[in-house]
Amino acid sequence: MKSANLFERSTLHADVQAVRVATVQAEPAWWDLKAGVSKTISIIKEAAANGAEVIGFPESFIPGYPMVIWTHGFNPEFLAKFKANALDVRSDEFKSILEAAKNAGIWVVLGFTEREAGTMYGAQVIINAQGVVVLHRRKIKATGQERTIWGDGPADSIQSVVSGPDGIKLGALNCWEHLQPLLRYYGYHQGVQLQISSWPLFLSMKQDGHTDFQSSGEGNALQAQFTALEGQTFVISSTQILRPENVEICGLTGVSGWEKGGGGFAAIYGPDGKQLTPPTQPDEETILYAEVDTNQVLVAKLLADPVGHYFSLSSSRPDLLSLKANPRPHPFVTEGEPEADATLLRRLHNIPVEIPL
């Protein structure tokens, strides 16, 4: 896979060791679980071999994003195949990804469609360099037509930030969760310094002669860049692509603007909003690299901080405006039994997990 590199080290402290990060722009192995896992592992190995310590993947990279739900009616045959190839976090396929992260010694932020029993979710996991899941979240509210196939994420999915390599605060959101200002703000409140933004592919659709900018790659790239600028955080923006020869298998034949393929807009942004990586072609498979130095976050926050100050005046006035967040899940309770710990991590690892108040 083609790779691009860019290094920007801080000059504030000569002894600061930057964290090298990578973002993926690639085509999924459409509707094929085993092939998707194999490709994911291959990308993990390549990024680690190139020195990356953190890698971000697109939304629903396994088994691919079902863009056809936006362009066609309900299709039980396709959706049954899609569900059969979704990823179960208790499966051997998932364990093989954990093992790959461990063997490569790299942090992995994976976007995938998760299957649990009869329901699917737009999910993300953060896997540390020891191959352990340290964050498991689901898209808290699926977007538009996604609601016909994906369930809502539980309350603890608003907890989107963990302590990553070298103590950097590592966060993750899926796609149009970036259009939810309160959810973004809560991530800033959790201290995110490196945000993984997972996206599907976006190709401009023409409706009545007009291009839909809202669903274009350019429009969605602005969301990732604005998150960096607004939150003074590095943003790893990872996207899918579609090749023309796979338009038919994705059910997009005859859909205006889609048959040519493309749809990628991956990039890495600095905490001042500047794009740190070279532009990519929308149909190009590549891994982009950059170095993250949290001193640059501190510099950006001298001018603005949405949960702190803005110049000499407070922009975060809890006496005037505040966010009420409830990250505690509400478990199903059988009459006569104590309430169980129903967090996603608790269910995945069968261990107690502390949830911050």
Protein backbone atom coordinates (compact mmCIF):
# COMPACT_ATOMS: atom_id res chain seq x y z
CA MET A 1 0.00 0.00 0.00
CA LYS A 2 1.30 3.47 -0.88
CA SER A 3 2.50 5.48 2.11
CA ALA A 4 3.03 9.19 2.65
CA ASN A 5 5.12 10.73 5.42
CA LEU A 6 5.36 14.10 7.07
CA PHE A 7 7.21 14.94 10.27
CA GLU A 8 6.73 18.13 12.25
CA ARG A 9 8.63 18.05 15.53
CA SER A 10 8.05 20.69 18.16
CA THR A 11 10.95 23.04 18.83
CA LEU A 12 9.72 23.78 22.36
CA HIS A 13 11.55 20.92 24.04
CA ALA A 14 14.39 19.03 22.35
CA ASP A 15 13.86 15.98 24.56
CA VAL A 16 10.18 15.52 23.65
CA GLN A 17 9.53 12.20 21.91
CA ALA A 18 6.71 12.60 19.41
CA VAL A 19 4.22 9.80 18.81
CA ARG A 20 4.11 8.63 15.21
CA VAL A 21 0.54 8.08 14.01
CA ALA A 22 -1.03 6.65 10.87
CA THR A 23 -4.35 6.97 9.13
CA VAL A 24 -5.88 4.55 6.64
CA GLN A 25 -7.51 5.31 3.30
CA ALA A 26 -8.44 1.95 1.83
CA GLU A 27 -11.16 -0.12 0.22
CA PRO A 28 -12.81 -2.73 2.45
CA ALA A 29 -13.10 -6.39 1.49
CA TRP A 30 -16.77 -5.89 0.72
CA TRP A 31 -19.11 -8.15 2.71
CA ASP A 32 -16.38 -10.72 3.43
CA LEU A 33 -15.53 -11.02 7.14
CA LYS A 34 -12.46 -13.23 6.82
CA ALA A 35 -10.97 -11.22 3.96
CA GLY A 36 -11.71 -8.00 5.86
CA VAL A 37 -9.92 -9.26 8.97
CA SER A 38 -6.98 -10.38 6.84
CA LYS A 39 -6.71 -6.97 5.16
CA THR A 40 -6.98 -5.20 8.52
CA ILE A 41 -4.14 -7.28 9.94
CA SER A 42 -2.01 -6.64 6.84
CA ILE A 43 -2.47 -2.87 7.23
CA ILE A 44 -1.64 -3.07 10.95
CA LYS A 45 1.60 -4.89 10.16
CA GLU A 46 2.57 -2.42 7.43
CA ALA A 47 1.94 0.64 9.62
CA ALA A 48 3.90 -0.86 12.51
CA ALA A 49 6.79 -1.74 10.19
CA ASN A 50 6.87 1.93 9.20
CA GLY A 51 7.18 2.98 12.82
CA ALA A 52 3.58 3.96 13.60
CA GLU A 53 2.51 3.71 17.24
CA VAL A 54 -1.18 4.46 16.59
CA ILE A 55 -3.30 3.66 13.54
CA GLY A 56 -6.88 4.72 12.80
CA PHE A 57 -9.29 2.82 10.53
CA PRO A 58 -12.46 3.98 8.74
CA GLU A 59 -16.01 3.48 9.96
CA SER A 60 -17.36 -0.05 9.30
CA PHE A 61 -14.11 -1.10 7.65
CA ILE A 62 -15.28 -4.62 8.40
CA PRO A 63 -17.29 -5.68 6.42
CA GLY A 64 -17.53 -2.37 4.52
CA TYR A 65 -19.98 0.52 4.75
CA PRO A 66 -23.39 -0.33 3.20
CA MET A 67 -23.89 2.85 1.19
CA VAL A 68 -26.68 1.10 -0.74
CA ILE A 69 -29.05 1.71 2.21
CA TRP A 70 -29.04 5.39 1.20
CA THR A 71 -29.82 4.77 -2.46
CA HIS A 72 -32.17 1.77 -2.56
CA GLY A 73 -35.04 0.28 -0.63
CA PHE A 74 -34.96 -2.39 2.06
CA ASN A 75 -33.10 -5.43 0.71
CA PRO A 76 -33.35 -8.46 3.04
CA GLU A 77 -31.05 -10.63 0.92
CA PHE A 78 -28.20 -8.10 1.00
CA LEU A 79 -28.73 -7.17 4.65
CA ALA A 80 -28.69 -10.82 5.72
CA LYS A 81 -25.31 -11.24 3.99
CA PHE A 82 -24.07 -8.00 5.51
CA LYS A 83 -25.06 -9.11 9.02
CA ALA A 84 -23.51 -12.55 8.54
CA ASN A 85 -20.17 -10.87 7.79
CA ALA A 86 -20.29 -8.33 10.62
CA LEU A 87 -17.73 -8.71 13.41
CA ASP A 88 -18.56 -10.24 16.80
CA VAL A 89 -16.17 -9.08 19.53
CA ARG A 90 -16.25 -12.55 21.08
CA SER A 91 -15.23 -14.25 17.82
CA ASP A 92 -11.94 -15.82 16.78
CA GLU A 93 -11.70 -13.22 13.99
CA PHE A 94 -11.74 -10.41 16.55
CA LYS A 95 -9.17 -12.21 18.70
CA SER A 96 -6.88 -12.45 15.67
CA ILE A 97 -6.96 -8.65 15.33
CA LEU A 98 -6.06 -8.29 19.01
CA GLU A 99 -3.18 -10.69 18.50
CA ALA A 100 -1.99 -8.73 15.46
CA ALA A 101 -1.94 -5.48 17.47
CA LYS A 102 0.02 -7.22 20.22
CA ASN A 103 2.54 -8.78 17.83
CA ALA A 104 3.02 -5.45 16.02
CA GLY A 105 3.21 -3.45 19.27
CA ILE A 106 0.82 -0.81 17.93
CA TRP A 107 -2.35 0.90 19.18
CA VAL A 108 -5.25 0.22 16.83
CA VAL A 109 -8.51 2.17 16.56
CA LEU A 110 -10.81 -0.03 14.50
CA GLY A 111 -14.15 0.98 13.03
CA PHE A 112 -16.44 -1.96 12.26
CA THR A 113 -20.03 -3.12 12.14
CA GLU A 114 -20.50 -5.12 15.30
CA ARG A 115 -22.97 -7.99 15.56
CA GLU A 116 -24.36 -9.01 18.92
CA ALA A 117 -27.19 -11.56 18.86
CA GLY A 118 -29.71 -10.22 16.32
CA THR A 119 -28.62 -6.57 16.34
CA MET A 120 -25.83 -4.64 14.63
CA TYR A 121 -24.04 -1.50 15.78
CA GLY A 122 -21.64 1.02 14.27
CA ALA A 123 -18.75 0.30 16.64
CA GLN A 124 -15.21 1.35 17.45
CA VAL A 125 -12.60 -0.25 19.68
CA ILE A 126 -9.28 1.11 20.88
CA ILE A 127 -6.78 -1.73 21.25
CA ASN A 128 -3.52 -1.03 23.08
CA ALA A 129 -0.07 -2.26 22.08
CA GLN A 130 -0.52 -5.31 24.32
CA GLY A 131 -3.56 -6.41 22.34
CA VAL A 132 -6.07 -5.42 25.03
CA VAL A 133 -9.29 -3.53 24.33
CA VAL A 134 -9.21 -0.37 26.45
CA LEU A 135 -12.27 1.28 24.89
CA HIS A 136 -15.31 -0.29 23.26
CA ARG A 137 -18.01 2.10 22.09
CA ARG A 138 -20.93 2.15 19.70
CA LYS A 139 -22.25 5.05 17.64
CA ILE A 140 -24.68 6.62 20.07
CA LYS A 141 -27.22 7.44 17.37
CA ALA A 142 -27.08 6.00 13.88
CA THR A 143 -27.51 8.52 11.06
CA GLY A 144 -30.54 8.57 8.76
CA GLN A 145 -30.97 5.29 6.90
CA GLU A 146 -28.43 3.60 9.19
CA ARG A 147 -31.21 3.44 11.77
CA THR A 148 -32.90 0.75 9.71
CA ILE A 149 -30.01 -1.66 10.42
CA TRP A 150 -28.00 -0.35 13.42
CA GLY A 151 -29.05 -0.04 17.03
CA ASP A 152 -28.22 2.87 19.36
CA GLY A 153 -25.08 2.80 21.47
CA PRO A 154 -25.43 2.53 25.26
CA ALA A 155 -24.75 5.40 27.65
CA ASP A 156 -21.11 4.52 28.30
CA SER A 157 -20.37 5.02 24.59
CA ILE A 158 -20.13 8.77 25.24
CA GLN A 159 -16.92 7.90 27.10
CA SER A 160 -14.70 8.28 24.05
CA VAL A 161 -11.22 9.05 25.43
CA VAL A 162 -8.53 6.87 27.05
CA SER A 163 -4.89 7.31 28.04
CA GLY A 164 -2.84 6.17 25.05
CA PRO A 165 0.87 5.76 24.26
CA ASP A 166 3.14 8.04 26.30
CA GLY A 167 0.03 9.18 28.19
CA ILE A 168 -1.50 10.99 25.20
CA LYS A 169 -5.28 11.31 25.49
CA LEU A 170 -6.63 9.21 22.64
CA GLY A 171 -10.26 9.57 21.50
CA ALA A 172 -12.57 8.16 18.82
CA LEU A 173 -15.81 9.15 17.10
CA ASN A 174 -17.67 7.72 14.11
CA CYS A 175 -18.69 9.77 11.08
CA TRP A 176 -21.56 12.17 11.78
CA GLU A 177 -21.03 11.95 15.51
CA HIS A 178 -18.81 14.90 14.57
CA LEU A 179 -22.02 16.83 13.83
CA GLN A 180 -23.21 16.38 17.41
CA PRO A 181 -21.77 19.45 19.22
CA LEU A 182 -22.48 18.18 22.73
CA LEU A 183 -20.76 14.86 22.03
CA ARG A 184 -17.73 16.65 20.59
CA TYR A 185 -17.69 18.95 23.60
CA TYR A 186 -17.77 16.02 26.00
CA GLY A 187 -14.71 14.60 24.23
CA TYR A 188 -12.92 17.91 24.73
CA HIS A 189 -13.97 17.78 28.38
CA GLN A 190 -12.32 14.35 28.63
CA GLY A 191 -9.07 15.99 27.49
CA VAL A 192 -8.70 14.48 24.02
CA GLN A 193 -5.36 15.31 22.38
CA LEU A 194 -5.47 12.83 19.48
CA GLN A 195 -8.86 12.20 17.93
CA ILE A 196 -9.48 9.28 15.57
CA SER A 197 -12.26 10.23 13.17
CA SER A 198 -13.63 7.17 11.35
CA TRP A 199 -15.54 7.73 8.09
CA PRO A 200 -17.06 5.71 5.27
CA LEU A 201 -16.55 6.86 1.68
CA PHE A 202 -18.32 10.00 0.48
CA LEU A 203 -19.10 10.71 -3.15
CA SER A 204 -21.14 13.73 -4.11
CA MET A 205 -24.62 12.73 -5.26
CA LYS A 206 -26.47 14.86 -7.78
CA GLN A 207 -30.13 15.49 -7.07
CA ASP A 208 -32.21 17.53 -9.49
CA GLY A 209 -29.03 18.84 -11.06
CA HIS A 210 -27.57 20.00 -7.74
CA THR A 211 -24.57 18.46 -5.97
CA ASP A 212 -25.17 17.38 -2.39
CA PHE A 213 -22.27 19.09 -0.61
CA GLN A 214 -23.42 17.78 2.77
CA SER A 215 -22.62 14.22 1.67
CA SER A 216 -19.43 15.03 -0.23
CA GLY A 217 -15.90 14.18 0.75
CA GLU A 218 -15.04 17.87 0.91
CA GLY A 219 -17.96 18.60 3.22
CA ASN A 220 -17.08 15.81 5.61
CA ALA A 221 -13.37 16.61 5.59
CA LEU A 222 -14.37 20.01 6.94
CA GLN A 223 -15.95 18.30 9.95
CA ALA A 224 -12.69 16.56 10.83
CA GLN A 225 -10.65 19.71 10.30
CA PHE A 226 -13.05 21.81 12.37
CA THR A 227 -12.87 19.27 15.21
CA ALA A 228 -9.09 19.80 15.27
CA LEU A 229 -9.50 23.58 15.22
CA GLU A 230 -12.34 23.73 17.75
CA GLY A 231 -10.91 21.20 20.20
CA GLN A 232 -7.21 22.04 19.74
CA THR A 233 -6.56 18.37 19.13
CA PHE A 234 -4.73 16.36 16.51
CA VAL A 235 -7.23 14.54 14.29
CA ILE A 236 -6.56 11.31 12.40
CA SER A 237 -9.26 11.20 9.72
CA SER A 238 -9.61 7.71 8.17
CA THR A 239 -11.79 6.94 5.15
CA GLN A 240 -12.90 4.19 2.81
CA ILE A 241 -12.70 4.22 -0.97
CA LEU A 242 -14.62 2.44 -3.73
CA ARG A 243 -13.05 1.16 -6.93
CA PRO A 244 -15.13 1.21 -10.15
CA GLU A 245 -14.93 -2.58 -10.50
CA ASN A 246 -16.68 -2.97 -7.13
CA VAL A 247 -19.56 -0.56 -7.77
CA GLU A 248 -21.83 -3.48 -8.68
CA ILE A 249 -21.08 -5.56 -5.57
CA CYS A 250 -21.88 -2.46 -3.50
CA GLY A 251 -25.25 -2.13 -5.25
CA LEU A 252 -24.50 1.34 -6.63
CA THR A 253 -24.73 0.64 -10.35
CA GLY A 254 -26.75 3.37 -12.03
CA VAL A 255 -26.50 5.77 -9.08
CA SER A 256 -25.47 9.19 -10.33
CA GLY A 257 -21.94 10.18 -9.30
CA TRP A 258 -21.01 6.81 -7.82
CA GLU A 259 -20.08 4.56 -10.71
CA LYS A 260 -16.69 6.20 -11.13
CA GLY A 261 -15.74 5.17 -7.59
CA GLY A 262 -13.49 7.12 -5.24
CA GLY A 263 -14.81 8.69 -2.07
CA GLY A 264 -11.62 8.96 0.03
CA PHE A 265 -10.51 12.11 1.88
CA ALA A 266 -8.15 10.85 4.60
CA ALA A 267 -5.86 13.35 6.31
CA ILE A 268 -4.16 14.20 9.58
CA TYR A 269 -4.75 17.65 11.08
CA GLY A 270 -2.83 19.58 13.71
CA PRO A 271 -4.40 21.21 16.80
CA ASP A 272 -4.46 24.56 14.98
CA GLY A 273 -6.54 22.98 12.19
CA LYS A 274 -3.68 22.83 9.69
CA GLN A 275 -3.56 19.77 7.42
CA LEU A 276 -0.29 17.95 8.13
CA THR A 277 -0.43 15.38 5.33
CA PRO A 278 -0.36 15.78 1.55
CA PRO A 279 -3.65 15.58 -0.33
CA THR A 280 -4.74 12.15 -1.53
CA GLN A 281 -6.58 11.07 -4.64
CA PRO A 282 -10.13 9.95 -3.74
CA ASP A 283 -9.55 6.48 -5.26
CA GLU A 284 -6.06 6.00 -3.78
CA GLU A 285 -5.22 3.34 -1.21
CA THR A 286 -2.63 4.77 1.15
CA ILE A 287 -1.44 5.04 4.73
CA LEU A 288 -0.60 8.58 5.83
CA TYR A 289 1.85 9.26 8.66
CA ALA A 290 2.62 12.23 10.89
CA GLU A 291 4.15 12.89 14.29
CA VAL A 292 2.12 14.10 17.23
CA ASP A 293 3.71 16.28 19.91
CA THR A 294 1.30 17.31 22.68
CA ASN A 295 3.27 20.53 23.18
CA GLN A 296 1.56 21.70 19.99
CA VAL A 297 -1.78 21.14 21.73
CA LEU A 298 -0.61 23.35 24.60
CA VAL A 299 0.40 26.08 22.16
CA ALA A 300 -2.96 25.96 20.36
CA LYS A 301 -4.78 26.20 23.70
CA LEU A 302 -3.02 29.48 24.47
CA LEU A 303 -5.43 31.08 22.02
CA ALA A 304 -8.58 29.02 22.53
CA ASP A 305 -9.88 26.23 24.74
CA PRO A 306 -13.58 25.32 24.58
CA VAL A 307 -13.56 23.80 28.07
CA GLY A 308 -11.17 26.34 29.58
CA HIS A 309 -10.40 29.89 28.51
CA TYR A 310 -10.51 32.04 25.41
CA PHE A 311 -7.87 34.75 25.50
CA SER A 312 -8.32 36.27 28.97
CA LEU A 313 -12.04 35.61 29.20
CA SER A 314 -13.79 32.39 30.07
CA SER A 315 -15.67 30.77 27.19
CA SER A 316 -16.68 27.87 29.39
CA ARG A 317 -19.11 29.59 31.77
CA PRO A 318 -20.84 26.84 33.76
CA ASP A 319 -22.89 29.50 35.52
CA LEU A 320 -24.41 30.32 32.13
CA LEU A 321 -24.07 27.19 29.99
CA SER A 322 -23.35 23.60 30.98
CA LEU A 323 -23.47 20.07 29.61
CA LYS A 324 -25.17 17.30 31.55
CA ALA A 325 -23.57 13.97 30.66
CA ASN A 326 -24.74 10.56 31.85
CA PRO A 327 -22.12 7.93 30.96
CA ARG A 328 -23.60 5.25 33.21
CA PRO A 329 -25.46 2.52 31.32
CA HIS A 330 -28.91 1.41 32.42
CA PRO A 331 -28.79 -2.38 32.55
CA PHE A 332 -31.64 -4.78 32.16
CA VAL A 333 -32.54 -5.92 35.66
CA THR A 334 -34.34 -9.15 36.50
CA GLU A 335 -36.73 -8.73 39.39
CA GLY A 336 -35.11 -9.78 42.64
CA GLU A 337 -31.54 -9.61 41.28
CA PRO A 338 -28.98 -6.84 41.91
CA GLU A 339 -28.14 -4.48 39.07
CA ALA A 340 -25.30 -5.83 36.94
CA ASP A 341 -22.41 -3.82 35.55
CA ALA A 342 -23.56 -3.51 31.93
CA THR A 343 -20.70 -1.50 30.44
CA LEU A 344 -19.44 -2.71 27.06
CA LEU A 345 -15.97 -3.38 28.44
CA ARG A 346 -17.41 -5.33 31.36
CA ARG A 347 -19.35 -7.53 28.97
CA LEU A 348 -16.37 -7.98 26.66
CA HIS A 349 -13.77 -8.87 29.29
CA ASN A 350 -16.00 -10.07 32.13
CA ILE A 351 -14.12 -7.79 34.54
CA PRO A 352 -15.23 -4.79 36.63
CA VAL A 353 -14.72 -1.39 34.99
CA GLU A 354 -14.73 1.93 36.80
CA ILE A 355 -16.82 4.59 35.08
CA PRO A 356 -15.87 8.21 35.82
CA LEU A 357 -18.61 10.30 37.37
